[in-house]
PDB file of all heavy atoms in Angstrom:
ATOM      1  N   THR A   1       0.844  -1.138  -0.011  1.00  0.00           N
ATOM      2  CA  THR A   1       0.004   0.001  -0.019  1.00  0.00           C
ATOM      3  C   THR A   1       0.953   1.273  -0.056  1.00  0.00           C
ATOM      4  O   THR A   1       1.814   1.374   0.778  1.00  0.00           O
ATOM      5  CB  THR A   1      -0.969  -0.068   1.259  1.00  0.00           C
ATOM      6  OG1 THR A   1      -1.662  -1.214   1.274  1.00  0.00           O
ATOM      7  CG2 THR A   1      -1.849   1.165   1.194  1.00  0.00           C
ATOM      8  N   PRO A   2       0.670   2.224  -0.918  1.00  0.00           N
ATOM      9  CA  PRO A   2       1.472   3.395  -0.990  1.00  0.00           C
ATOM     10  C   PRO A   2       1.312   4.304   0.263  1.00  0.00           C
ATOM     11  O   PRO A   2       0.249   4.316   0.896  1.00  0.00           O
ATOM     12  CB  PRO A   2       1.078   4.108  -2.211  1.00  0.00           C
ATOM     13  CG  PRO A   2      -0.358   3.570  -2.461  1.00  0.00           C
ATOM     14  CD  PRO A   2      -0.397   2.210  -1.888  1.00  0.00           C
ATOM     15  N   TYR A   3       2.328   5.061   0.552  1.00  0.00           N
ATOM     16  CA  TYR A   3       2.393   5.918   1.675  1.00  0.00           C
ATOM     17  C   TYR A   3       2.310   7.432   1.168  1.00  0.00           C
ATOM     18  O   TYR A   3       2.835   7.737   0.096  1.00  0.00           O
ATOM     19  CB  TYR A   3       3.727   5.794   2.485  1.00  0.00           C
ATOM     20  CG  TYR A   3       3.895   6.652   3.710  1.00  0.00           C
ATOM     21  CD1 TYR A   3       3.250   6.359   4.905  1.00  0.00           C
ATOM     22  CD2 TYR A   3       4.711   7.782   3.596  1.00  0.00           C
ATOM     23  CE1 TYR A   3       3.484   7.150   6.002  1.00  0.00           C
ATOM     24  CE2 TYR A   3       4.925   8.576   4.696  1.00  0.00           C
ATOM     25  CZ  TYR A   3       4.221   8.306   5.935  1.00  0.00           C
ATOM     26  OH  TYR A   3       4.442   9.113   6.965  1.00  0.00           O
ATOM     27  N   ARG A   4       1.667   8.293   1.949  1.00  0.00           N
ATOM     28  CA  ARG A   4       1.528   9.653   1.538  1.00  0.00           C
ATOM     29  C   ARG A   4       1.978  10.629   2.620  1.00  0.00           C
ATOM     30  O   ARG A   4       1.570  10.495   3.758  1.00  0.00           O
ATOM     31  CB  ARG A   4       0.050  10.029   1.257  1.00  0.00           C
ATOM     32  CG  ARG A   4      -0.181  11.328   0.470  1.00  0.00           C
ATOM     33  CD  ARG A   4      -1.627  11.726   0.533  1.00  0.00           C
ATOM     34  NE  ARG A   4      -2.551  10.714  -0.089  1.00  0.00           N
ATOM     35  CZ  ARG A   4      -2.848  10.686  -1.321  1.00  0.00           C
ATOM     36  NH1 ARG A   4      -2.409  11.605  -2.111  1.00  0.00           N
ATOM     37  NH2 ARG A   4      -3.708   9.722  -1.788  1.00  0.00           N
ATOM     38  N   SER A   5       2.892  11.501   2.304  1.00  0.00           N
ATOM     39  CA  SER A   5       3.397  12.497   3.279  1.00  0.00           C
ATOM     40  C   SER A   5       2.383  13.542   3.524  1.00  0.00           C
ATOM     41  O   SER A   5       1.405  13.721   2.646  1.00  0.00           O
ATOM     42  CB  SER A   5       4.716  13.098   2.763  1.00  0.00           C
ATOM     43  OG  SER A   5       5.740  12.114   2.726  1.00  0.00           O
ATOM     44  N   ILE A   6       2.463  14.354   4.479  1.00  0.00           N
ATOM     45  CA  ILE A   6       1.528  15.280   4.944  1.00  0.00           C
ATOM     46  C   ILE A   6       1.142  16.221   3.816  1.00  0.00           C
ATOM     47  O   ILE A   6       2.024  16.881   3.243  1.00  0.00           O
ATOM     48  CB  ILE A   6       1.893  16.030   6.289  1.00  0.00           C
ATOM     49  CG1 ILE A   6       0.717  16.794   6.667  1.00  0.00           C
ATOM     50  CG2 ILE A   6       3.128  16.718   6.037  1.00  0.00           C
ATOM     51  CD1 ILE A   6       0.941  17.276   8.175  1.00  0.00           C
ATOM     52  N   GLU A   7      -0.145  16.376   3.555  1.00  0.00           N
ATOM     53  CA  GLU A   7      -0.790  17.261   2.624  1.00  0.00           C
ATOM     54  C   GLU A   7      -0.215  17.174   1.235  1.00  0.00           C
ATOM     55  O   GLU A   7      -0.332  18.175   0.469  1.00  0.00           O
ATOM     56  CB  GLU A   7      -0.581  18.767   3.176  1.00  0.00           C
ATOM     57  CG  GLU A   7      -1.314  18.957   4.455  1.00  0.00           C
ATOM     58  CD  GLU A   7      -1.298  20.469   4.867  1.00  0.00           C
ATOM     59  OE1 GLU A   7      -0.506  21.236   4.276  1.00  0.00           O
ATOM     60  OE2 GLU A   7      -1.996  20.814   5.850  1.00  0.00           O
ATOM     61  N   CYS A   8       0.321  16.021   0.865  1.00  0.00           N
ATOM     62  CA  CYS A   8       0.745  15.821  -0.425  1.00  0.00           C
ATOM     63  C   CYS A   8      -0.406  15.202  -1.306  1.00  0.00           C
ATOM     64  O   CYS A   8      -1.038  14.301  -0.904  1.00  0.00           O
ATOM     65  CB  CYS A   8       1.944  14.844  -0.513  1.00  0.00           C
ATOM     66  SG  CYS A   8       3.464  15.625   0.086  1.00  0.00           S
ATOM     67  N   GLU A   9      -0.542  15.779  -2.514  1.00  0.00           N
ATOM     68  CA  GLU A   9      -1.596  15.352  -3.451  1.00  0.00           C
ATOM     69  C   GLU A   9      -1.353  13.965  -3.980  1.00  0.00           C
ATOM     70  O   GLU A   9      -2.262  13.175  -4.130  1.00  0.00           O
ATOM     71  CB  GLU A   9      -1.839  16.342  -4.609  1.00  0.00           C
ATOM     72  CG  GLU A   9      -3.037  16.050  -5.451  1.00  0.00           C
ATOM     73  CD  GLU A   9      -4.352  16.505  -4.678  1.00  0.00           C
ATOM     74  OE1 GLU A   9      -4.333  17.449  -4.020  1.00  0.00           O
ATOM     75  OE2 GLU A   9      -5.310  15.728  -4.823  1.00  0.00           O
ATOM     76  N   ASN A  10      -0.031  13.634  -4.120  1.00  0.00           N
ATOM     77  CA  ASN A  10       0.341  12.333  -4.706  1.00  0.00           C
ATOM     78  C   ASN A  10       1.035  11.504  -3.653  1.00  0.00           C
ATOM     79  O   ASN A  10       1.556  11.977  -2.645  1.00  0.00           O
ATOM     80  CB  ASN A  10       1.339  12.530  -5.895  1.00  0.00           C
ATOM     81  CG  ASN A  10       0.796  13.328  -6.998  1.00  0.00           C
ATOM     82  OD1 ASN A  10      -0.450  13.090  -7.389  1.00  0.00           O
ATOM     83  ND2 ASN A  10       1.501  14.324  -7.563  1.00  0.00           N
ATOM     84  N   PHE A  11       0.957  10.138  -3.948  1.00  0.00           N
ATOM     85  CA  PHE A  11       1.638   9.211  -3.001  1.00  0.00           C
ATOM     86  C   PHE A  11       3.134   9.391  -3.117  1.00  0.00           C
ATOM     87  O   PHE A  11       3.687   9.824  -4.167  1.00  0.00           O
ATOM     88  CB  PHE A  11       1.241   7.755  -3.359  1.00  0.00           C
ATOM     89  CG  PHE A  11      -0.133   7.395  -3.014  1.00  0.00           C
ATOM     90  CD1 PHE A  11      -1.024   7.094  -4.096  1.00  0.00           C
ATOM     91  CD2 PHE A  11      -0.562   7.379  -1.737  1.00  0.00           C
ATOM     92  CE1 PHE A  11      -2.338   6.718  -3.821  1.00  0.00           C
ATOM     93  CE2 PHE A  11      -1.931   7.006  -1.467  1.00  0.00           C
ATOM     94  CZ  PHE A  11      -2.823   6.736  -2.505  1.00  0.00           C
ATOM     95  N   ASP A  12       3.830   9.006  -2.085  1.00  0.00           N
ATOM     96  CA  ASP A  12       5.262   8.987  -2.133  1.00  0.00           C
ATOM     97  C   ASP A  12       5.717   7.932  -3.180  1.00  0.00           C
ATOM     98  O   ASP A  12       5.048   6.795  -3.260  1.00  0.00           O
ATOM     99  CB  ASP A  12       5.958   8.668  -0.852  1.00  0.00           C
ATOM    100  CG  ASP A  12       5.875   9.806   0.148  1.00  0.00           C
ATOM    101  OD1 ASP A  12       5.067  10.681  -0.098  1.00  0.00           O
ATOM    102  OD2 ASP A  12       6.478   9.705   1.281  1.00  0.00           O
ATOM    103  N   GLY A  13       6.859   8.064  -3.877  1.00  0.00           N
ATOM    104  CA  GLY A  13       7.354   7.110  -4.809  1.00  0.00           C
ATOM    105  C   GLY A  13       8.005   5.974  -4.113  1.00  0.00           C
ATOM    106  O   GLY A  13       8.387   4.960  -4.746  1.00  0.00           O
ATOM    107  N   ASP A  14       8.427   6.084  -2.844  1.00  0.00           N
ATOM    108  CA  ASP A  14       9.150   5.047  -2.158  1.00  0.00           C
ATOM    109  C   ASP A  14       8.642   5.137  -0.658  1.00  0.00           C
ATOM    110  O   ASP A  14       7.690   5.726  -0.328  1.00  0.00           O
ATOM    111  CB  ASP A  14      10.564   5.283  -2.314  1.00  0.00           C
ATOM    112  CG  ASP A  14      11.046   6.715  -1.933  1.00  0.00           C
ATOM    113  OD1 ASP A  14      10.509   7.257  -0.890  1.00  0.00           O
ATOM    114  OD2 ASP A  14      11.801   7.360  -2.693  1.00  0.00           O
ATOM    115  N   TYR A  15       9.457   4.484   0.203  1.00  0.00           N
ATOM    116  CA  TYR A  15       9.073   4.311   1.579  1.00  0.00           C
ATOM    117  C   TYR A  15      10.082   5.031   2.557  1.00  0.00           C
ATOM    118  O   TYR A  15      10.122   4.733   3.687  1.00  0.00           O
ATOM    119  CB  TYR A  15       8.826   2.892   1.901  1.00  0.00           C
ATOM    120  CG  TYR A  15       7.607   2.261   1.244  1.00  0.00           C
ATOM    121  CD1 TYR A  15       7.826   1.570   0.141  1.00  0.00           C
ATOM    122  CD2 TYR A  15       6.404   2.448   1.792  1.00  0.00           C
ATOM    123  CE1 TYR A  15       6.695   1.052  -0.586  1.00  0.00           C
ATOM    124  CE2 TYR A  15       5.258   1.929   1.149  1.00  0.00           C
ATOM    125  CZ  TYR A  15       5.363   1.229  -0.006  1.00  0.00           C
ATOM    126  OH  TYR A  15       4.330   0.702  -0.641  1.00  0.00           O
ATOM    127  N   PHE A  16      10.912   5.898   1.948  1.00  0.00           N
ATOM    128  CA  PHE A  16      11.889   6.572   2.800  1.00  0.00           C
ATOM    129  C   PHE A  16      11.222   7.413   3.938  1.00  0.00           C
ATOM    130  O   PHE A  16      11.611   7.359   5.093  1.00  0.00           O
ATOM    131  CB  PHE A  16      12.807   7.452   1.941  1.00  0.00           C
ATOM    132  CG  PHE A  16      13.823   6.737   1.219  1.00  0.00           C
ATOM    133  CD1 PHE A  16      13.661   6.493  -0.118  1.00  0.00           C
ATOM    134  CD2 PHE A  16      15.009   6.290   1.885  1.00  0.00           C
ATOM    135  CE1 PHE A  16      14.637   5.768  -0.819  1.00  0.00           C
ATOM    136  CE2 PHE A  16      15.992   5.607   1.173  1.00  0.00           C
ATOM    137  CZ  PHE A  16      15.802   5.374  -0.256  1.00  0.00           C
ATOM    138  N   ASN A  17      10.157   8.194   3.540  1.00  0.00           N
ATOM    139  CA  ASN A  17       9.517   9.063   4.473  1.00  0.00           C
ATOM    140  C   ASN A  17       8.707   8.184   5.523  1.00  0.00           C
ATOM    141  O   ASN A  17       8.650   8.562   6.715  1.00  0.00           O
ATOM    142  CB  ASN A  17       8.541  10.000   3.771  1.00  0.00           C
ATOM    143  CG  ASN A  17       9.250  11.066   2.949  1.00  0.00           C
ATOM    144  OD1 ASN A  17      10.476  11.402   3.275  1.00  0.00           O
ATOM    145  ND2 ASN A  17       8.648  11.615   1.890  1.00  0.00           N
ATOM    146  N   MET A  18       8.149   7.119   5.045  1.00  0.00           N
ATOM    147  CA  MET A  18       7.376   6.229   5.973  1.00  0.00           C
ATOM    148  C   MET A  18       8.306   5.687   7.071  1.00  0.00           C
ATOM    149  O   MET A  18       8.019   5.734   8.225  1.00  0.00           O
ATOM    150  CB  MET A  18       6.691   5.091   5.172  1.00  0.00           C
ATOM    151  CG  MET A  18       6.040   4.164   6.166  1.00  0.00           C
ATOM    152  SD  MET A  18       5.477   2.698   5.265  1.00  0.00           S
ATOM    153  CE  MET A  18       5.256   1.524   6.535  1.00  0.00           C
ATOM    154  N   LEU A  19       9.408   5.135   6.656  1.00  0.00           N
ATOM    155  CA  LEU A  19      10.420   4.527   7.584  1.00  0.00           C
ATOM    156  C   LEU A  19      10.984   5.613   8.518  1.00  0.00           C
ATOM    157  O   LEU A  19      11.243   5.336   9.651  1.00  0.00           O
ATOM    158  CB  LEU A  19      11.412   3.774   6.865  1.00  0.00           C
ATOM    159  CG  LEU A  19      10.916   2.449   6.204  1.00  0.00           C
ATOM    160  CD1 LEU A  19      12.087   1.705   5.575  1.00  0.00           C
ATOM    161  CD2 LEU A  19      10.273   1.504   7.193  1.00  0.00           C
ATOM    162  N   GLY A  20      11.174   6.796   7.859  1.00  0.00           N
ATOM    163  CA  GLY A  20      11.728   7.844   8.696  1.00  0.00           C
ATOM    164  C   GLY A  20      10.713   8.291   9.802  1.00  0.00           C
ATOM    165  O   GLY A  20      11.211   8.409  10.999  1.00  0.00           O
ATOM    166  N   ALA A  21       9.418   8.282   9.439  1.00  0.00           N
ATOM    167  CA  ALA A  21       8.418   8.651  10.419  1.00  0.00           C
ATOM    168  C   ALA A  21       8.282   7.539  11.495  1.00  0.00           C
ATOM    169  O   ALA A  21       8.197   7.802  12.730  1.00  0.00           O
ATOM    170  CB  ALA A  21       7.097   8.846   9.782  1.00  0.00           C
ATOM    171  N   LEU A  22       8.376   6.320  11.074  1.00  0.00           N
ATOM    172  CA  LEU A  22       8.379   5.125  11.968  1.00  0.00           C
ATOM    173  C   LEU A  22       9.506   5.143  12.880  1.00  0.00           C
ATOM    174  O   LEU A  22       9.266   5.054  14.216  1.00  0.00           O
ATOM    175  CB  LEU A  22       8.378   3.798  11.117  1.00  0.00           C
ATOM    176  CG  LEU A  22       8.419   2.545  11.952  1.00  0.00           C
ATOM    177  CD1 LEU A  22       7.107   2.285  12.704  1.00  0.00           C
ATOM    178  CD2 LEU A  22       8.664   1.348  10.985  1.00  0.00           C
ATOM    179  N   GLU A  23      10.694   5.389  12.488  1.00  0.00           N
ATOM    180  CA  GLU A  23      11.907   5.408  13.376  1.00  0.00           C
ATOM    181  C   GLU A  23      11.809   6.618  14.337  1.00  0.00           C
ATOM    182  O   GLU A  23      12.095   6.474  15.551  1.00  0.00           O
ATOM    183  CB  GLU A  23      13.169   5.551  12.507  1.00  0.00           C
ATOM    184  CG  GLU A  23      14.409   5.392  13.338  1.00  0.00           C
ATOM    185  CD  GLU A  23      15.619   5.194  12.437  1.00  0.00           C
ATOM    186  OE1 GLU A  23      15.978   6.183  11.753  1.00  0.00           O
ATOM    187  OE2 GLU A  23      16.307   4.178  12.373  1.00  0.00           O
ATOM    188  N   ASP A  24      11.371   7.780  13.813  1.00  0.00           N
ATOM    189  CA  ASP A  24      11.201   8.963  14.672  1.00  0.00           C
ATOM    190  C   ASP A  24      10.271   8.677  15.876  1.00  0.00           C
ATOM    191  O   ASP A  24      10.538   9.046  16.984  1.00  0.00           O
ATOM    192  CB  ASP A  24      10.673  10.163  13.922  1.00  0.00           C
ATOM    193  CG  ASP A  24      11.726  10.782  12.965  1.00  0.00           C
ATOM    194  OD1 ASP A  24      12.922  10.382  13.119  1.00  0.00           O
ATOM    195  OD2 ASP A  24      11.400  11.553  12.066  1.00  0.00           O
ATOM    196  N   GLU A  25       9.080   8.122  15.488  1.00  0.00           N
ATOM    197  CA  GLU A  25       8.006   7.951  16.565  1.00  0.00           C
ATOM    198  C   GLU A  25       8.405   6.919  17.581  1.00  0.00           C
ATOM    199  O   GLU A  25       8.034   7.055  18.757  1.00  0.00           O
ATOM    200  CB  GLU A  25       6.691   7.680  15.845  1.00  0.00           C
ATOM    201  CG  GLU A  25       6.135   8.858  15.024  1.00  0.00           C
ATOM    202  CD  GLU A  25       6.017  10.106  15.754  1.00  0.00           C
ATOM    203  OE1 GLU A  25       5.696  10.161  16.950  1.00  0.00           O
ATOM    204  OE2 GLU A  25       6.283  11.182  15.216  1.00  0.00           O
ATOM    205  N   ILE A  26       9.076   5.912  17.102  1.00  0.00           N
ATOM    206  CA  ILE A  26       9.508   4.921  18.071  1.00  0.00           C
ATOM    207  C   ILE A  26      10.549   5.516  19.080  1.00  0.00           C
ATOM    208  O   ILE A  26      10.392   5.271  20.313  1.00  0.00           O
ATOM    209  CB  ILE A  26      10.206   3.685  17.329  1.00  0.00           C
ATOM    210  CG1 ILE A  26       9.169   2.905  16.519  1.00  0.00           C
ATOM    211  CG2 ILE A  26      10.915   2.718  18.308  1.00  0.00           C
ATOM    212  CD1 ILE A  26       9.777   1.891  15.532  1.00  0.00           C
ATOM    213  N   GLU A  27      11.456   6.270  18.526  1.00  0.00           N
ATOM    214  CA  GLU A  27      12.516   6.840  19.426  1.00  0.00           C
ATOM    215  C   GLU A  27      11.960   7.890  20.288  1.00  0.00           C
ATOM    216  O   GLU A  27      12.284   8.046  21.452  1.00  0.00           O
ATOM    217  CB  GLU A  27      13.661   7.403  18.580  1.00  0.00           C
ATOM    218  CG  GLU A  27      14.492   6.313  17.834  1.00  0.00           C
ATOM    219  CD  GLU A  27      15.007   5.289  18.746  1.00  0.00           C
ATOM    220  OE1 GLU A  27      15.583   5.664  19.809  1.00  0.00           O
ATOM    221  OE2 GLU A  27      14.896   4.092  18.437  1.00  0.00           O
ATOM    222  N   ASN A  28      11.037   8.687  19.705  1.00  0.00           N
ATOM    223  CA  ASN A  28      10.272   9.760  20.580  1.00  0.00           C
ATOM    224  C   ASN A  28       9.530   9.049  21.742  1.00  0.00           C
ATOM    225  O   ASN A  28       9.601   9.584  22.800  1.00  0.00           O
ATOM    226  CB  ASN A  28       9.351  10.531  19.619  1.00  0.00           C
ATOM    227  CG  ASN A  28      10.122  11.424  18.679  1.00  0.00           C
ATOM    228  OD1 ASN A  28      11.367  11.765  18.850  1.00  0.00           O
ATOM    229  ND2 ASN A  28       9.335  11.905  17.638  1.00  0.00           N
ATOM    230  N   PHE A  29       8.841   7.963  21.424  1.00  0.00           N
ATOM    231  CA  PHE A  29       8.141   7.297  22.541  1.00  0.00           C
ATOM    232  C   PHE A  29       9.063   6.811  23.578  1.00  0.00           C
ATOM    233  O   PHE A  29       8.778   6.888  24.770  1.00  0.00           O
ATOM    234  CB  PHE A  29       7.276   6.146  21.943  1.00  0.00           C
ATOM    235  CG  PHE A  29       6.510   5.422  23.029  1.00  0.00           C
ATOM    236  CD1 PHE A  29       5.484   5.968  23.613  1.00  0.00           C
ATOM    237  CD2 PHE A  29       6.899   4.105  23.407  1.00  0.00           C
ATOM    238  CE1 PHE A  29       4.727   5.311  24.620  1.00  0.00           C
ATOM    239  CE2 PHE A  29       6.236   3.436  24.356  1.00  0.00           C
ATOM    240  CZ  PHE A  29       5.090   4.021  24.986  1.00  0.00           C
ATOM    241  N   LYS A  30      10.183   6.138  23.220  1.00  0.00           N
ATOM    242  CA  LYS A  30      11.167   5.661  24.208  1.00  0.00           C
ATOM    243  C   LYS A  30      11.738   6.736  25.157  1.00  0.00           C
ATOM    244  O   LYS A  30      12.038   6.473  26.242  1.00  0.00           O
ATOM    245  CB  LYS A  30      12.300   5.039  23.429  1.00  0.00           C
ATOM    246  CG  LYS A  30      11.916   3.672  22.805  1.00  0.00           C
ATOM    247  CD  LYS A  30      12.996   3.172  21.825  1.00  0.00           C
ATOM    248  CE  LYS A  30      14.368   2.922  22.449  1.00  0.00           C
ATOM    249  NZ  LYS A  30      15.285   2.447  21.553  1.00  0.00           N
ATOM    250  N   GLU A  31      11.741   7.970  24.644  1.00  0.00           N
ATOM    251  CA  GLU A  31      12.309   9.150  25.376  1.00  0.00           C
ATOM    252  C   GLU A  31      11.241   9.811  26.334  1.00  0.00           C
ATOM    253  O   GLU A  31      11.634  10.581  27.187  1.00  0.00           O
ATOM    254  CB  GLU A  31      12.825  10.232  24.448  1.00  0.00           C
ATOM    255  CG  GLU A  31      14.069   9.667  23.698  1.00  0.00           C
ATOM    256  CD  GLU A  31      14.535  10.681  22.660  1.00  0.00           C
ATOM    257  OE1 GLU A  31      13.880  11.766  22.530  1.00  0.00           O
ATOM    258  OE2 GLU A  31      15.482  10.395  21.899  1.00  0.00           O
ATOM    259  N   THR A  32       9.950   9.321  26.229  1.00  0.00           N
ATOM    260  CA  THR A  32       8.966   9.893  27.148  1.00  0.00           C
ATOM    261  C   THR A  32       8.912   9.156  28.413  1.00  0.00           C
ATOM    262  O   THR A  32       9.490   8.084  28.617  1.00  0.00           O
ATOM    263  CB  THR A  32       7.553   9.830  26.527  1.00  0.00           C
ATOM    264  OG1 THR A  32       7.177   8.423  26.293  1.00  0.00           O
ATOM    265  CG2 THR A  32       7.476  10.585  25.125  1.00  0.00           C
ATOM    266  N   GLU A  33       8.382   9.732  29.407  1.00  0.00           N
ATOM    267  CA  GLU A  33       8.223   9.122  30.774  1.00  0.00           C
ATOM    268  C   GLU A  33       7.391   7.803  30.645  1.00  0.00           C
ATOM    269  O   GLU A  33       7.723   6.838  31.239  1.00  0.00           O
ATOM    270  CB  GLU A  33       7.502  10.063  31.714  1.00  0.00           C
ATOM    271  CG  GLU A  33       7.362   9.521  33.155  1.00  0.00           C
ATOM    272  CD  GLU A  33       8.749   9.229  33.871  1.00  0.00           C
ATOM    273  OE1 GLU A  33       9.701   9.806  33.381  1.00  0.00           O
ATOM    274  OE2 GLU A  33       8.818   8.298  34.756  1.00  0.00           O
ATOM    275  N   GLU A  34       6.292   7.837  29.861  1.00  0.00           N
ATOM    276  CA  GLU A  34       5.498   6.671  29.718  1.00  0.00           C
ATOM    277  C   GLU A  34       6.067   5.592  28.915  1.00  0.00           C
ATOM    278  O   GLU A  34       5.745   4.398  29.005  1.00  0.00           O
ATOM    279  CB  GLU A  34       4.063   6.997  29.113  1.00  0.00           C
ATOM    280  CG  GLU A  34       4.198   7.531  27.659  1.00  0.00           C
ATOM    281  CD  GLU A  34       2.805   7.831  27.126  1.00  0.00           C
ATOM    282  OE1 GLU A  34       1.766   7.569  27.821  1.00  0.00           O
ATOM    283  OE2 GLU A  34       2.681   8.333  26.006  1.00  0.00           O
ATOM    284  N   GLY A  35       7.088   5.899  28.081  1.00  0.00           N
ATOM    285  CA  GLY A  35       7.728   4.949  27.277  1.00  0.00           C
ATOM    286  C   GLY A  35       9.154   4.466  27.652  1.00  0.00           C
ATOM    287  O   GLY A  35       9.845   3.840  26.913  1.00  0.00           O
ATOM    288  N   LYS A  36       9.525   4.897  28.831  1.00  0.00           N
ATOM    289  CA  LYS A  36      10.950   4.659  29.205  1.00  0.00           C
ATOM    290  C   LYS A  36      11.281   3.198  29.415  1.00  0.00           C
ATOM    291  O   LYS A  36      12.426   2.810  29.280  1.00  0.00           O
ATOM    292  CB  LYS A  36      11.235   5.393  30.554  1.00  0.00           C
ATOM    293  CG  LYS A  36      10.381   4.975  31.704  1.00  0.00           C
ATOM    294  CD  LYS A  36      10.673   5.760  32.973  1.00  0.00           C
ATOM    295  CE  LYS A  36       9.906   5.272  34.172  1.00  0.00           C
ATOM    296  NZ  LYS A  36      10.169   6.155  35.344  1.00  0.00           N
ATOM    297  N   GLU A  37      10.306   2.289  29.575  1.00  0.00           N
ATOM    298  CA  GLU A  37      10.553   0.900  29.618  1.00  0.00           C
ATOM    299  C   GLU A  37      10.419   0.140  28.337  1.00  0.00           C
ATOM    300  O   GLU A  37      10.667  -1.080  28.294  1.00  0.00           O
ATOM    301  CB  GLU A  37       9.674   0.258  30.629  1.00  0.00           C
ATOM    302  CG  GLU A  37       9.922   0.672  32.131  1.00  0.00           C
ATOM    303  CD  GLU A  37       9.190  -0.205  33.135  1.00  0.00           C
ATOM    304  OE1 GLU A  37       8.173  -0.867  32.679  1.00  0.00           O
ATOM    305  OE2 GLU A  37       9.548  -0.142  34.259  1.00  0.00           O
ATOM    306  N   PHE A  38      10.105   0.865  27.276  1.00  0.00           N
ATOM    307  CA  PHE A  38       9.972   0.237  25.937  1.00  0.00           C
ATOM    308  C   PHE A  38      11.309   0.125  25.316  1.00  0.00           C
ATOM    309  O   PHE A  38      12.089   1.081  25.209  1.00  0.00           O
ATOM    310  CB  PHE A  38       9.063   1.085  25.002  1.00  0.00           C
ATOM    311  CG  PHE A  38       8.582   0.468  23.822  1.00  0.00           C
ATOM    312  CD1 PHE A  38       7.830  -0.705  23.830  1.00  0.00           C
ATOM    313  CD2 PHE A  38       8.953   0.955  22.541  1.00  0.00           C
ATOM    314  CE1 PHE A  38       7.394  -1.336  22.652  1.00  0.00           C
ATOM    315  CE2 PHE A  38       8.592   0.328  21.371  1.00  0.00           C
ATOM    316  CZ  PHE A  38       7.726  -0.823  21.461  1.00  0.00           C
ATOM    317  N   TRP A  39      11.621  -1.146  24.896  1.00  0.00           N
ATOM    318  CA  TRP A  39      12.992  -1.389  24.370  1.00  0.00           C
ATOM    319  C   TRP A  39      13.144  -0.978  22.928  1.00  0.00           C
ATOM    320  O   TRP A  39      14.258  -0.696  22.502  1.00  0.00           O
ATOM    321  CB  TRP A  39      13.370  -2.859  24.496  1.00  0.00           C
ATOM    322  CG  TRP A  39      13.358  -3.389  25.877  1.00  0.00           C
ATOM    323  CD1 TRP A  39      13.572  -2.620  27.072  1.00  0.00           C
ATOM    324  CD2 TRP A  39      13.211  -4.705  26.353  1.00  0.00           C
ATOM    325  NE1 TRP A  39      13.478  -3.456  28.185  1.00  0.00           N
ATOM    326  CE2 TRP A  39      13.307  -4.682  27.764  1.00  0.00           C
ATOM    327  CE3 TRP A  39      13.007  -5.954  25.674  1.00  0.00           C
ATOM    328  CZ2 TRP A  39      13.175  -5.825  28.483  1.00  0.00           C
ATOM    329  CZ3 TRP A  39      12.799  -7.100  26.451  1.00  0.00           C
ATOM    330  CH2 TRP A  39      12.932  -7.072  27.826  1.00  0.00           C
ATOM    331  N   GLY A  40      12.017  -0.849  22.122  1.00  0.00           N
ATOM    332  CA  GLY A  40      12.098  -0.452  20.794  1.00  0.00           C
ATOM    333  C   GLY A  40      11.457  -1.451  19.754  1.00  0.00           C
ATOM    334  O   GLY A  40      10.728  -2.348  20.171  1.00  0.00           O
ATOM    335  N   ALA A  41      11.622  -1.098  18.490  1.00  0.00           N
ATOM    336  CA  ALA A  41      10.979  -1.914  17.445  1.00  0.00           C
ATOM    337  C   ALA A  41      11.838  -1.848  16.207  1.00  0.00           C
ATOM    338  O   ALA A  41      12.569  -0.891  16.018  1.00  0.00           O
ATOM    339  CB  ALA A  41       9.644  -1.317  17.191  1.00  0.00           C
TER     340      ALA A  41
END
């Protein structure tokens, strides 16, 4: 299934932005107080 970056009319041609968002949000969660025991993904 194609991925679409924010407010883009067209789908992304690859999954670089999707994986970037995935990695960002995993690391951001680990740095929060509620996510400090989460080892990652």
